[in-house]
């Protein structure tokens, strides 16, 4: 998109009011560097482009939040989860920040950070949408090489960035308020309103979950077979025209030849044009209410990290 947004929004008062939350958080996985992504994206001119070139009115506090002040000194594994207290505390705080924007009728852009931050961003948007639209559900389009729907018990790594969808859909429950017990029903999403695009590295336990619950998922094979245009037609048709959409975009959905600076690259991914097209199609529905851009790691893929930052147009 290279011009100001003209689409009349269905679920927001205006189409040009954008809340921005920058999250320099890496606790959902083990590689350092992903916490530097929001600063790198902002330094590369992302927010300037959104305001100057695209005409958005930005609401941004000027801070990249790391949540260090609420990170516990001791954080033992719990139910196979690594750093559960830190991730739970950070995502709870993020959910409150995102909710503050979304409750005022703003579309919210969350710049991560690893994909565990989506627990907070989607929880905040889902709560606000239910309050503002008489209990209406939020749909999520998850663009990713990975399904991120492992439960703690099915996870091979124990990294929580591979579990956010399981928490957000209520597949994982915990009675501990300090380990995601803060998630309430009005912050969750339905598996029936969840769509994946770009999958190509899915764990055995995740495949079982997707099959058992009939989750709509489009792999790279589906994109190769049908083309991205048909896949988006089917994905949006599954969600329906009367549902607000949160787009959660992991940069590893793109092929590593285009976006190498990410912690879990998988060959055979989306082209930049296909990534752009996904975002353009969601925007054109008028239903977009929230957006994540996550898993850029400027410290990795030194030969191509500038390409990752340059691929920021995908969020438009």
C-alpha atoms as a PDB file:
ATOM      1  CA  UNK A   1       0.000   0.000   0.000  1.00  0.00           C
ATOM      2  CA  UNK A   2       1.483   3.330  -1.040  1.00  0.00           C
ATOM      3  CA  UNK A   3      -1.413   5.706  -0.458  1.00  0.00           C
ATOM      4  CA  UNK A   4      -3.535   6.663   2.570  1.00  0.00           C
ATOM      5  CA  UNK A   5      -6.137   4.091   3.621  1.00  0.00           C
ATOM      6  CA  UNK A   6      -9.486   4.667   1.913  1.00  0.00           C
ATOM      7  CA  UNK A   7     -11.377   1.577   3.089  1.00  0.00           C
ATOM      8  CA  UNK A   8     -14.347   2.389   5.321  1.00  0.00           C
ATOM      9  CA  UNK A   9     -13.850   0.230   8.434  1.00  0.00           C
ATOM     10  CA  UNK A  10     -16.671  -1.996   9.626  1.00  0.00           C
ATOM     11  CA  UNK A  11     -15.685  -2.230  13.292  1.00  0.00           C
ATOM     12  CA  UNK A  12     -13.704   0.951  13.962  1.00  0.00           C
ATOM     13  CA  UNK A  13     -14.879   4.591  14.069  1.00  0.00           C
ATOM     14  CA  UNK A  14     -12.245   5.684  11.532  1.00  0.00           C
ATOM     15  CA  UNK A  15      -9.765   3.972   9.244  1.00  0.00           C
ATOM     16  CA  UNK A  16      -6.718   6.099  10.036  1.00  0.00           C
ATOM     17  CA  UNK A  17      -6.396   5.934  13.835  1.00  0.00           C
ATOM     18  CA  UNK A  18      -3.557   3.548  14.747  1.00  0.00           C
ATOM     19  CA  UNK A  19      -2.362   2.562  18.204  1.00  0.00           C
ATOM     20  CA  UNK A  20       1.221   1.292  18.282  1.00  0.00           C
ATOM     21  CA  UNK A  21       2.803  -0.831  21.011  1.00  0.00           C
ATOM     22  CA  UNK A  22       6.492  -1.691  20.617  1.00  0.00           C
ATOM     23  CA  UNK A  23       7.516  -4.808  22.523  1.00  0.00           C
ATOM     24  CA  UNK A  24      11.191  -5.659  22.862  1.00  0.00           C
ATOM     25  CA  UNK A  25      10.554  -9.033  24.462  1.00  0.00           C
ATOM     26  CA  UNK A  26      12.421 -12.269  23.807  1.00  0.00           C
ATOM     27  CA  UNK A  27      11.336 -14.493  26.691  1.00  0.00           C
ATOM     28  CA  UNK A  28       9.224 -16.855  24.609  1.00  0.00           C
ATOM     29  CA  UNK A  29      12.281 -18.426  22.981  1.00  0.00           C
ATOM     30  CA  UNK A  30      16.005 -18.859  23.582  1.00  0.00           C
ATOM     31  CA  UNK A  31      17.785 -16.730  20.951  1.00  0.00           C
ATOM     32  CA  UNK A  32      18.882 -13.227  21.815  1.00  0.00           C
ATOM     33  CA  UNK A  33      18.258 -10.375  19.420  1.00  0.00           C
ATOM     34  CA  UNK A  34      14.542 -10.492  18.673  1.00  0.00           C
ATOM     35  CA  UNK A  35      14.069  -7.900  21.411  1.00  0.00           C
ATOM     36  CA  UNK A  36      15.902  -5.397  19.171  1.00  0.00           C
ATOM     37  CA  UNK A  37      13.406  -5.716  16.321  1.00  0.00           C
ATOM     38  CA  UNK A  38      10.993  -2.888  17.236  1.00  0.00           C
ATOM     39  CA  UNK A  39      13.850  -0.381  17.477  1.00  0.00           C
ATOM     40  CA  UNK A  40      15.296  -1.596  14.174  1.00  0.00           C
ATOM     41  CA  UNK A  41      11.941  -1.290  12.422  1.00  0.00           C
ATOM     42  CA  UNK A  42      11.294   2.162  13.857  1.00  0.00           C
ATOM     43  CA  UNK A  43      14.826   3.347  13.040  1.00  0.00           C
ATOM     44  CA  UNK A  44      14.280   2.109   9.475  1.00  0.00           C
ATOM     45  CA  UNK A  45      11.358   4.507   9.188  1.00  0.00           C
ATOM     46  CA  UNK A  46       8.310   2.277   9.662  1.00  0.00           C
ATOM     47  CA  UNK A  47       6.352   4.715  11.826  1.00  0.00           C
ATOM     48  CA  UNK A  48       7.319   7.659   9.642  1.00  0.00           C
ATOM     49  CA  UNK A  49       6.058   5.799   6.606  1.00  0.00           C
ATOM     50  CA  UNK A  50       2.802   4.948   8.344  1.00  0.00           C
ATOM     51  CA  UNK A  51       2.155   8.558   9.315  1.00  0.00           C
ATOM     52  CA  UNK A  52       3.693  10.562   6.474  1.00  0.00           C
ATOM     53  CA  UNK A  53       3.163   8.292   3.478  1.00  0.00           C
ATOM     54  CA  UNK A  54       0.012   6.452   4.513  1.00  0.00           C
ATOM     55  CA  UNK A  55      -1.736   9.157   6.509  1.00  0.00           C
ATOM     56  CA  UNK A  56      -2.308   7.280   9.761  1.00  0.00           C
ATOM     57  CA  UNK A  57      -2.709   9.213  12.992  1.00  0.00           C
ATOM     58  CA  UNK A  58      -0.333   7.363  15.321  1.00  0.00           C
ATOM     59  CA  UNK A  59      -0.790   6.890  19.042  1.00  0.00           C
ATOM     60  CA  UNK A  60       2.609   5.722  20.293  1.00  0.00           C
ATOM     61  CA  UNK A  61       4.204   6.341  23.673  1.00  0.00           C
ATOM     62  CA  UNK A  62       7.733   6.466  22.232  1.00  0.00           C
ATOM     63  CA  UNK A  63       8.879   3.490  24.315  1.00  0.00           C
ATOM     64  CA  UNK A  64      10.046   0.012  23.376  1.00  0.00           C
ATOM     65  CA  UNK A  65       8.724  -2.033  26.289  1.00  0.00           C
ATOM     66  CA  UNK A  66      10.946  -4.825  27.588  1.00  0.00           C
ATOM     67  CA  UNK A  67       9.023  -5.461  30.825  1.00  0.00           C
ATOM     68  CA  UNK A  68      12.312  -5.981  32.674  1.00  0.00           C
ATOM     69  CA  UNK A  69      10.834  -4.478  35.842  1.00  0.00           C
ATOM     70  CA  UNK A  70       8.278  -7.280  36.094  1.00  0.00           C
ATOM     71  CA  UNK A  71      10.584 -10.119  35.025  1.00  0.00           C
ATOM     72  CA  UNK A  72      11.045 -12.441  38.048  1.00  0.00           C
ATOM     73  CA  UNK A  73      14.490 -13.215  39.430  1.00  0.00           C
ATOM     74  CA  UNK A  74      13.590 -16.903  39.564  1.00  0.00           C
ATOM     75  CA  UNK A  75      11.570 -18.525  36.794  1.00  0.00           C
ATOM     76  CA  UNK A  76      11.683 -22.334  36.906  1.00  0.00           C
ATOM     77  CA  UNK A  77      10.101 -24.510  34.222  1.00  0.00           C
ATOM     78  CA  UNK A  78       6.446 -25.329  34.793  1.00  0.00           C
ATOM     79  CA  UNK A  79       4.601 -28.002  32.848  1.00  0.00           C
ATOM     80  CA  UNK A  80       7.509 -28.077  30.373  1.00  0.00           C
ATOM     81  CA  UNK A  81       7.270 -24.301  29.763  1.00  0.00           C
ATOM     82  CA  UNK A  82      10.478 -22.266  29.810  1.00  0.00           C
ATOM     83  CA  UNK A  83      10.282 -18.880  31.596  1.00  0.00           C
ATOM     84  CA  UNK A  84       6.531 -19.152  32.249  1.00  0.00           C
ATOM     85  CA  UNK A  85       6.426 -16.373  34.855  1.00  0.00           C
ATOM     86  CA  UNK A  86       8.220 -13.837  32.656  1.00  0.00           C
ATOM     87  CA  UNK A  87       6.131 -14.560  29.573  1.00  0.00           C
ATOM     88  CA  UNK A  88       2.874 -14.535  31.522  1.00  0.00           C
ATOM     89  CA  UNK A  89       3.677 -11.233  33.247  1.00  0.00           C
ATOM     90  CA  UNK A  90       4.821  -9.553  30.029  1.00  0.00           C
ATOM     91  CA  UNK A  91       1.840 -10.672  27.964  1.00  0.00           C
ATOM     92  CA  UNK A  92      -0.596  -9.666  30.693  1.00  0.00           C
ATOM     93  CA  UNK A  93       0.893  -6.173  30.771  1.00  0.00           C
ATOM     94  CA  UNK A  94       0.843  -6.027  26.974  1.00  0.00           C
ATOM     95  CA  UNK A  95      -2.810  -7.092  26.892  1.00  0.00           C
ATOM     96  CA  UNK A  96      -3.651  -4.090  29.062  1.00  0.00           C
ATOM     97  CA  UNK A  97      -1.695  -1.704  26.825  1.00  0.00           C
ATOM     98  CA  UNK A  98      -3.324  -3.044  23.659  1.00  0.00           C
ATOM     99  CA  UNK A  99      -6.763  -3.004  25.272  1.00  0.00           C
ATOM    100  CA  UNK A 100      -6.298   0.682  26.128  1.00  0.00           C
ATOM    101  CA  UNK A 101      -5.887   1.483  22.430  1.00  0.00           C
ATOM    102  CA  UNK A 102      -8.511  -0.952  21.139  1.00  0.00           C
ATOM    103  CA  UNK A 103     -11.157   0.144  23.643  1.00  0.00           C
ATOM    104  CA  UNK A 104     -10.910   3.633  22.130  1.00  0.00           C
ATOM    105  CA  UNK A 105     -11.692   2.283  18.691  1.00  0.00           C
ATOM    106  CA  UNK A 106      -8.171   2.231  17.302  1.00  0.00           C
ATOM    107  CA  UNK A 107      -6.634  -0.431  15.136  1.00  0.00           C
ATOM    108  CA  UNK A 108      -3.610  -1.679  17.085  1.00  0.00           C
ATOM    109  CA  UNK A 109      -0.185  -2.529  15.655  1.00  0.00           C
ATOM    110  CA  UNK A 110       2.034  -4.588  17.962  1.00  0.00           C
ATOM    111  CA  UNK A 111       5.704  -4.728  17.012  1.00  0.00           C
ATOM    112  CA  UNK A 112       7.480  -7.715  18.576  1.00  0.00           C
ATOM    113  CA  UNK A 113       9.456  -9.402  19.921  1.00  0.00           C
ATOM    114  CA  UNK A 114       8.866 -13.106  19.641  1.00  0.00           C
ATOM    115  CA  UNK A 115       5.463 -14.580  18.817  1.00  0.00           C
ATOM    116  CA  UNK A 116       4.567 -15.224  22.454  1.00  0.00           C
ATOM    117  CA  UNK A 117       3.589 -11.530  22.564  1.00  0.00           C
ATOM    118  CA  UNK A 118       0.484 -12.407  20.536  1.00  0.00           C
ATOM    119  CA  UNK A 119      -1.012 -13.843  23.724  1.00  0.00           C
ATOM    120  CA  UNK A 120      -1.174 -10.286  25.024  1.00  0.00           C
ATOM    121  CA  UNK A 121      -2.005  -8.428  21.832  1.00  0.00           C
ATOM    122  CA  UNK A 122      -4.851 -10.716  20.762  1.00  0.00           C
ATOM    123  CA  UNK A 123      -6.239 -10.974  24.303  1.00  0.00           C
ATOM    124  CA  UNK A 124      -6.394  -7.176  24.488  1.00  0.00           C
ATOM    125  CA  UNK A 125      -8.076  -6.763  21.106  1.00  0.00           C
ATOM    126  CA  UNK A 126     -10.543  -9.619  21.695  1.00  0.00           C
ATOM    127  CA  UNK A 127     -11.675  -8.112  24.997  1.00  0.00           C
ATOM    128  CA  UNK A 128     -12.167  -4.648  23.496  1.00  0.00           C
ATOM    129  CA  UNK A 129     -14.083  -5.962  20.481  1.00  0.00           C
ATOM    130  CA  UNK A 130     -16.475  -7.919  22.691  1.00  0.00           C
ATOM    131  CA  UNK A 131     -17.118  -4.821  24.789  1.00  0.00           C
ATOM    132  CA  UNK A 132     -17.542  -2.456  21.860  1.00  0.00           C
ATOM    133  CA  UNK A 133     -19.610  -4.797  19.678  1.00  0.00           C
ATOM    134  CA  UNK A 134     -21.995  -6.628  21.991  1.00  0.00           C
ATOM    135  CA  UNK A 135     -20.005  -9.810  22.489  1.00  0.00           C
ATOM    136  CA  UNK A 136     -18.839 -10.221  18.903  1.00  0.00           C
ATOM    137  CA  UNK A 137     -16.008 -12.723  18.419  1.00  0.00           C
ATOM    138  CA  UNK A 138     -12.594 -11.873  16.994  1.00  0.00           C
ATOM    139  CA  UNK A 139     -11.177 -13.868  14.076  1.00  0.00           C
ATOM    140  CA  UNK A 140      -7.428 -14.424  13.768  1.00  0.00           C
ATOM    141  CA  UNK A 141      -5.412 -14.983  10.606  1.00  0.00           C
ATOM    142  CA  UNK A 142      -2.089 -16.492  11.682  1.00  0.00           C
ATOM    143  CA  UNK A 143       0.553 -16.120   8.962  1.00  0.00           C
ATOM    144  CA  UNK A 144       3.476 -18.316   9.931  1.00  0.00           C
ATOM    145  CA  UNK A 145       5.682 -21.222   8.946  1.00  0.00           C
ATOM    146  CA  UNK A 146       4.670 -22.777  12.275  1.00  0.00           C
ATOM    147  CA  UNK A 147       1.279 -23.434  13.850  1.00  0.00           C
ATOM    148  CA  UNK A 148       2.279 -22.232  17.351  1.00  0.00           C
ATOM    149  CA  UNK A 149      -0.544 -24.312  18.814  1.00  0.00           C
ATOM    150  CA  UNK A 150       1.524 -26.695  20.906  1.00  0.00           C
ATOM    151  CA  UNK A 151       0.344 -27.311  24.435  1.00  0.00           C
ATOM    152  CA  UNK A 152       3.065 -27.448  27.096  1.00  0.00           C
ATOM    153  CA  UNK A 153       2.784 -31.231  26.965  1.00  0.00           C
ATOM    154  CA  UNK A 154       3.100 -31.553  23.175  1.00  0.00           C
ATOM    155  CA  UNK A 155       5.908 -29.002  22.831  1.00  0.00           C
ATOM    156  CA  UNK A 156       9.299 -30.424  21.944  1.00  0.00           C
ATOM    157  CA  UNK A 157      11.277 -27.320  22.906  1.00  0.00           C
ATOM    158  CA  UNK A 158       9.267 -25.920  25.810  1.00  0.00           C
ATOM    159  CA  UNK A 159       9.520 -22.450  24.229  1.00  0.00           C
ATOM    160  CA  UNK A 160       6.280 -20.538  24.748  1.00  0.00           C
ATOM    161  CA  UNK A 161       6.502 -18.754  21.373  1.00  0.00           C
ATOM    162  CA  UNK A 162       5.338 -22.115  19.989  1.00  0.00           C
ATOM    163  CA  UNK A 163       2.250 -22.168  22.250  1.00  0.00           C
ATOM    164  CA  UNK A 164       0.361 -18.838  22.014  1.00  0.00           C
ATOM    165  CA  UNK A 165      -2.567 -20.158  19.961  1.00  0.00           C
ATOM    166  CA  UNK A 166      -3.146 -22.969  22.457  1.00  0.00           C
ATOM    167  CA  UNK A 167      -3.505 -20.412  25.254  1.00  0.00           C
ATOM    168  CA  UNK A 168      -5.627 -18.007  23.211  1.00  0.00           C
ATOM    169  CA  UNK A 169      -8.106 -20.712  22.185  1.00  0.00           C
ATOM    170  CA  UNK A 170      -8.448 -22.186  25.680  1.00  0.00           C
ATOM    171  CA  UNK A 171      -6.806 -25.477  24.740  1.00  0.00           C
ATOM    172  CA  UNK A 172      -4.463 -24.860  27.670  1.00  0.00           C
ATOM    173  CA  UNK A 173      -5.858 -23.934  31.049  1.00  0.00           C
ATOM    174  CA  UNK A 174      -4.023 -23.188  34.269  1.00  0.00           C
ATOM    175  CA  UNK A 175      -5.227 -22.275  37.740  1.00  0.00           C
ATOM    176  CA  UNK A 176      -2.150 -20.177  38.467  1.00  0.00           C
ATOM    177  CA  UNK A 177      -2.769 -16.458  37.936  1.00  0.00           C
ATOM    178  CA  UNK A 178       0.974 -15.950  37.478  1.00  0.00           C
ATOM    179  CA  UNK A 179       1.110 -18.541  34.660  1.00  0.00           C
ATOM    180  CA  UNK A 180      -1.570 -17.350  32.224  1.00  0.00           C
ATOM    181  CA  UNK A 181      -4.393 -17.856  34.691  1.00  0.00           C
ATOM    182  CA  UNK A 182      -5.145 -14.177  34.093  1.00  0.00           C
ATOM    183  CA  UNK A 183      -6.658 -15.021  30.691  1.00  0.00           C
ATOM    184  CA  UNK A 184     -10.445 -14.671  30.887  1.00  0.00           C
ATOM    185  CA  UNK A 185     -13.132 -15.959  28.474  1.00  0.00           C
ATOM    186  CA  UNK A 186     -13.626 -12.509  26.929  1.00  0.00           C
ATOM    187  CA  UNK A 187      -9.937 -12.488  25.933  1.00  0.00           C
ATOM    188  CA  UNK A 188     -10.032 -15.793  24.041  1.00  0.00           C
ATOM    189  CA  UNK A 189     -10.754 -16.685  20.427  1.00  0.00           C
ATOM    190  CA  UNK A 190     -12.629 -19.567  18.814  1.00  0.00           C
ATOM    191  CA  UNK A 191     -10.874 -22.309  16.893  1.00  0.00           C
ATOM    192  CA  UNK A 192     -13.671 -21.899  14.335  1.00  0.00           C
ATOM    193  CA  UNK A 193     -12.536 -18.326  13.647  1.00  0.00           C
ATOM    194  CA  UNK A 194      -8.847 -19.206  13.319  1.00  0.00           C
ATOM    195  CA  UNK A 195      -7.133 -19.499   9.924  1.00  0.00           C
ATOM    196  CA  UNK A 196      -3.511 -20.352   9.196  1.00  0.00           C
ATOM    197  CA  UNK A 197      -1.616 -19.316   6.078  1.00  0.00           C
ATOM    198  CA  UNK A 198       1.895 -20.388   5.082  1.00  0.00           C
ATOM    199  CA  UNK A 199       2.396 -23.466   7.255  1.00  0.00           C
ATOM    200  CA  UNK A 200       5.302 -25.755   6.401  1.00  0.00           C
ATOM    201  CA  UNK A 201       6.878 -26.849   9.712  1.00  0.00           C
ATOM    202  CA  UNK A 202       4.212 -28.282  12.016  1.00  0.00           C
ATOM    203  CA  UNK A 203       4.965 -30.554  14.975  1.00  0.00           C
ATOM    204  CA  UNK A 204       3.222 -33.954  15.256  1.00  0.00           C
ATOM    205  CA  UNK A 205       1.206 -32.872  18.294  1.00  0.00           C
ATOM    206  CA  UNK A 206       0.080 -29.744  16.480  1.00  0.00           C
ATOM    207  CA  UNK A 207      -1.050 -31.733  13.443  1.00  0.00           C
ATOM    208  CA  UNK A 208      -3.210 -33.839  15.733  1.00  0.00           C
ATOM    209  CA  UNK A 209      -4.744 -30.737  17.328  1.00  0.00           C
ATOM    210  CA  UNK A 210      -5.498 -29.172  13.943  1.00  0.00           C
ATOM    211  CA  UNK A 211      -7.151 -32.374  12.685  1.00  0.00           C
ATOM    212  CA  UNK A 212      -9.182 -33.019  15.820  1.00  0.00           C
ATOM    213  CA  UNK A 213     -10.592 -29.491  15.906  1.00  0.00           C
ATOM    214  CA  UNK A 214     -11.027 -29.007  12.170  1.00  0.00           C
ATOM    215  CA  UNK A 215      -8.926 -25.834  12.106  1.00  0.00           C
ATOM    216  CA  UNK A 216      -8.748 -24.168   8.686  1.00  0.00           C
ATOM    217  CA  UNK A 217      -5.106 -24.233   7.660  1.00  0.00           C
ATOM    218  CA  UNK A 218      -3.454 -23.412   4.339  1.00  0.00           C
ATOM    219  CA  UNK A 219       0.053 -24.780   3.907  1.00  0.00           C
ATOM    220  CA  UNK A 220       2.600 -23.730   1.336  1.00  0.00           C
ATOM    221  CA  UNK A 221       1.441 -26.745  -0.667  1.00  0.00           C
ATOM    222  CA  UNK A 222      -2.032 -25.218  -0.805  1.00  0.00           C
ATOM    223  CA  UNK A 223      -0.586 -21.895  -1.935  1.00  0.00           C
ATOM    224  CA  UNK A 224       1.490 -23.622  -4.624  1.00  0.00           C
ATOM    225  CA  UNK A 225      -1.541 -25.588  -5.790  1.00  0.00           C
ATOM    226  CA  UNK A 226      -4.232 -22.906  -5.741  1.00  0.00           C
ATOM    227  CA  UNK A 227      -2.323 -19.602  -5.725  1.00  0.00           C
ATOM    228  CA  UNK A 228      -2.408 -16.953  -3.026  1.00  0.00           C
ATOM    229  CA  UNK A 229      -5.505 -15.303  -4.536  1.00  0.00           C
ATOM    230  CA  UNK A 230      -7.659 -18.409  -4.146  1.00  0.00           C
ATOM    231  CA  UNK A 231      -6.233 -19.149  -0.700  1.00  0.00           C
ATOM    232  CA  UNK A 232      -7.194 -15.672   0.529  1.00  0.00           C
ATOM    233  CA  UNK A 233     -10.646 -16.036  -0.997  1.00  0.00           C
ATOM    234  CA  UNK A 234     -11.135 -19.310   0.904  1.00  0.00           C
ATOM    235  CA  UNK A 235      -9.631 -17.968   4.124  1.00  0.00           C
ATOM    236  CA  UNK A 236     -11.781 -14.850   4.221  1.00  0.00           C
ATOM    237  CA  UNK A 237     -14.821 -16.830   3.160  1.00  0.00           C
ATOM    238  CA  UNK A 238     -14.293 -19.144   6.119  1.00  0.00           C
ATOM    239  CA  UNK A 239     -14.134 -16.205   8.530  1.00  0.00           C
ATOM    240  CA  UNK A 240     -17.113 -14.408   7.045  1.00  0.00           C
ATOM    241  CA  UNK A 241     -17.735 -10.763   6.248  1.00  0.00           C
ATOM    242  CA  UNK A 242     -19.267  -9.928   9.635  1.00  0.00           C
ATOM    243  CA  UNK A 243     -16.229 -10.675  11.827  1.00  0.00           C
ATOM    244  CA  UNK A 244     -13.418  -8.375  13.027  1.00  0.00           C
ATOM    245  CA  UNK A 245      -9.971  -9.695  12.066  1.00  0.00           C
ATOM    246  CA  UNK A 246      -6.649  -9.681  13.861  1.00  0.00           C
ATOM    247  CA  UNK A 247      -3.705 -10.446  11.556  1.00  0.00           C
ATOM    248  CA  UNK A 248      -0.714 -12.006  13.309  1.00  0.00           C
ATOM    249  CA  UNK A 249       2.257 -12.017  10.933  1.00  0.00           C
ATOM    250  CA  UNK A 250       5.428 -13.915  11.779  1.00  0.00           C
ATOM    251  CA  UNK A 251       8.247 -12.848   9.463  1.00  0.00           C
ATOM    252  CA  UNK A 252       9.360 -16.491   9.169  1.00  0.00           C
ATOM    253  CA  UNK A 253       6.289 -17.046   6.992  1.00  0.00           C
ATOM    254  CA  UNK A 254       8.373 -15.363   4.301  1.00  0.00           C
ATOM    255  CA  UNK A 255      11.048 -17.391   2.573  1.00  0.00           C
ATOM    256  CA  UNK A 256      14.469 -16.984   4.247  1.00  0.00           C
ATOM    257  CA  UNK A 257      15.920 -15.859   0.920  1.00  0.00           C
ATOM    258  CA  UNK A 258      13.770 -12.739   1.381  1.00  0.00           C
ATOM    259  CA  UNK A 259      13.746 -12.443   5.173  1.00  0.00           C
ATOM    260  CA  UNK A 260      16.694 -14.336   6.674  1.00  0.00           C
ATOM    261  CA  UNK A 261      16.854 -12.485   9.993  1.00  0.00           C
ATOM    262  CA  UNK A 262      14.571 -14.651  12.084  1.00  0.00           C
ATOM    263  CA  UNK A 263      15.172 -17.283  14.724  1.00  0.00           C
ATOM    264  CA  UNK A 264      13.368 -20.207  13.096  1.00  0.00           C
ATOM    265  CA  UNK A 265      13.750 -19.899   9.305  1.00  0.00           C
ATOM    266  CA  UNK A 266      12.170 -22.581   7.096  1.00  0.00           C
ATOM    267  CA  UNK A 267      12.890 -22.822   3.392  1.00  0.00           C
ATOM    268  CA  UNK A 268      10.105 -22.740   0.834  1.00  0.00           C
ATOM    269  CA  UNK A 269       8.088 -19.850   2.241  1.00  0.00           C
ATOM    270  CA  UNK A 270       6.028 -16.955   0.943  1.00  0.00           C
ATOM    271  CA  UNK A 271       7.406 -14.458  -1.526  1.00  0.00           C
ATOM    272  CA  UNK A 272       7.366 -10.821  -0.438  1.00  0.00           C
ATOM    273  CA  UNK A 273       4.612 -10.186  -2.953  1.00  0.00           C
ATOM    274  CA  UNK A 274       2.497 -13.016  -1.488  1.00  0.00           C
ATOM    275  CA  UNK A 275       3.024 -11.587   1.991  1.00  0.00           C
ATOM    276  CA  UNK A 276       1.977  -8.156   0.793  1.00  0.00           C
ATOM    277  CA  UNK A 277      -1.065  -9.611  -0.932  1.00  0.00           C
ATOM    278  CA  UNK A 278      -2.256 -11.318   2.250  1.00  0.00           C
ATOM    279  CA  UNK A 279      -2.133  -8.010   4.106  1.00  0.00           C
ATOM    280  CA  UNK A 280      -3.764  -6.103   1.256  1.00  0.00           C
ATOM    281  CA  UNK A 281      -6.646  -8.577   1.114  1.00  0.00           C
ATOM    282  CA  UNK A 282      -7.279  -8.344   4.852  1.00  0.00           C
ATOM    283  CA  UNK A 283      -7.178  -4.541   4.700  1.00  0.00           C
ATOM    284  CA  UNK A 284      -9.634  -4.479   1.802  1.00  0.00           C
ATOM    285  CA  UNK A 285     -12.249  -6.328   3.881  1.00  0.00           C
ATOM    286  CA  UNK A 286     -12.598  -3.301   6.170  1.00  0.00           C
ATOM    287  CA  UNK A 287     -12.522  -5.760   9.088  1.00  0.00           C
ATOM    288  CA  UNK A 288      -8.926  -5.367  10.287  1.00  0.00           C
ATOM    289  CA  UNK A 289      -8.768  -4.307  13.938  1.00  0.00           C
ATOM    290  CA  UNK A 290      -5.353  -5.559  15.056  1.00  0.00           C
ATOM    291  CA  UNK A 291      -1.986  -6.535  13.630  1.00  0.00           C
ATOM    292  CA  UNK A 292       1.192  -8.159  14.949  1.00  0.00           C
ATOM    293  CA  UNK A 293       4.588  -8.097  13.257  1.00  0.00           C
ATOM    294  CA  UNK A 294       6.927 -10.463  15.092  1.00  0.00           C
ATOM    295  CA  UNK A 295      10.091 -12.592  15.075  1.00  0.00           C
ATOM    296  CA  UNK A 296      12.405 -10.235  13.197  1.00  0.00           C
ATOM    297  CA  UNK A 297      15.859 -10.790  14.715  1.00  0.00           C
ATOM    298  CA  UNK A 298      18.371  -8.183  13.483  1.00  0.00           C
ATOM    299  CA  UNK A 299      21.285 -10.117  15.020  1.00  0.00           C
ATOM    300  CA  UNK A 300      20.736 -13.118  12.736  1.00  0.00           C
ATOM    301  CA  UNK A 301      21.261 -13.525   9.003  1.00  0.00           C
ATOM    302  CA  UNK A 302      23.832 -10.730   8.809  1.00  0.00           C
ATOM    303  CA  UNK A 303      24.052 -10.999   5.043  1.00  0.00           C
ATOM    304  CA  UNK A 304      20.379 -10.222   4.681  1.00  0.00           C
ATOM    305  CA  UNK A 305      19.137  -8.509   7.811  1.00  0.00           C
ATOM    306  CA  UNK A 306      18.566  -5.260   5.937  1.00  0.00           C
ATOM    307  CA  UNK A 307      16.270  -7.219   3.639  1.00  0.00           C
ATOM    308  CA  UNK A 308      14.210  -8.241   6.684  1.00  0.00           C
ATOM    309  CA  UNK A 309      13.837  -4.647   7.792  1.00  0.00           C
ATOM    310  CA  UNK A 310      13.084  -3.673   4.190  1.00  0.00           C
ATOM    311  CA  UNK A 311      10.287  -6.227   4.138  1.00  0.00           C
ATOM    312  CA  UNK A 312       8.399  -4.047   6.627  1.00  0.00           C
ATOM    313  CA  UNK A 313       5.974  -3.081   3.865  1.00  0.00           C
ATOM    314  CA  UNK A 314       4.302  -6.413   4.622  1.00  0.00           C
ATOM    315  CA  UNK A 315       2.547  -4.814   7.610  1.00  0.00           C
ATOM    316  CA  UNK A 316       0.712  -2.332   5.392  1.00  0.00           C
END
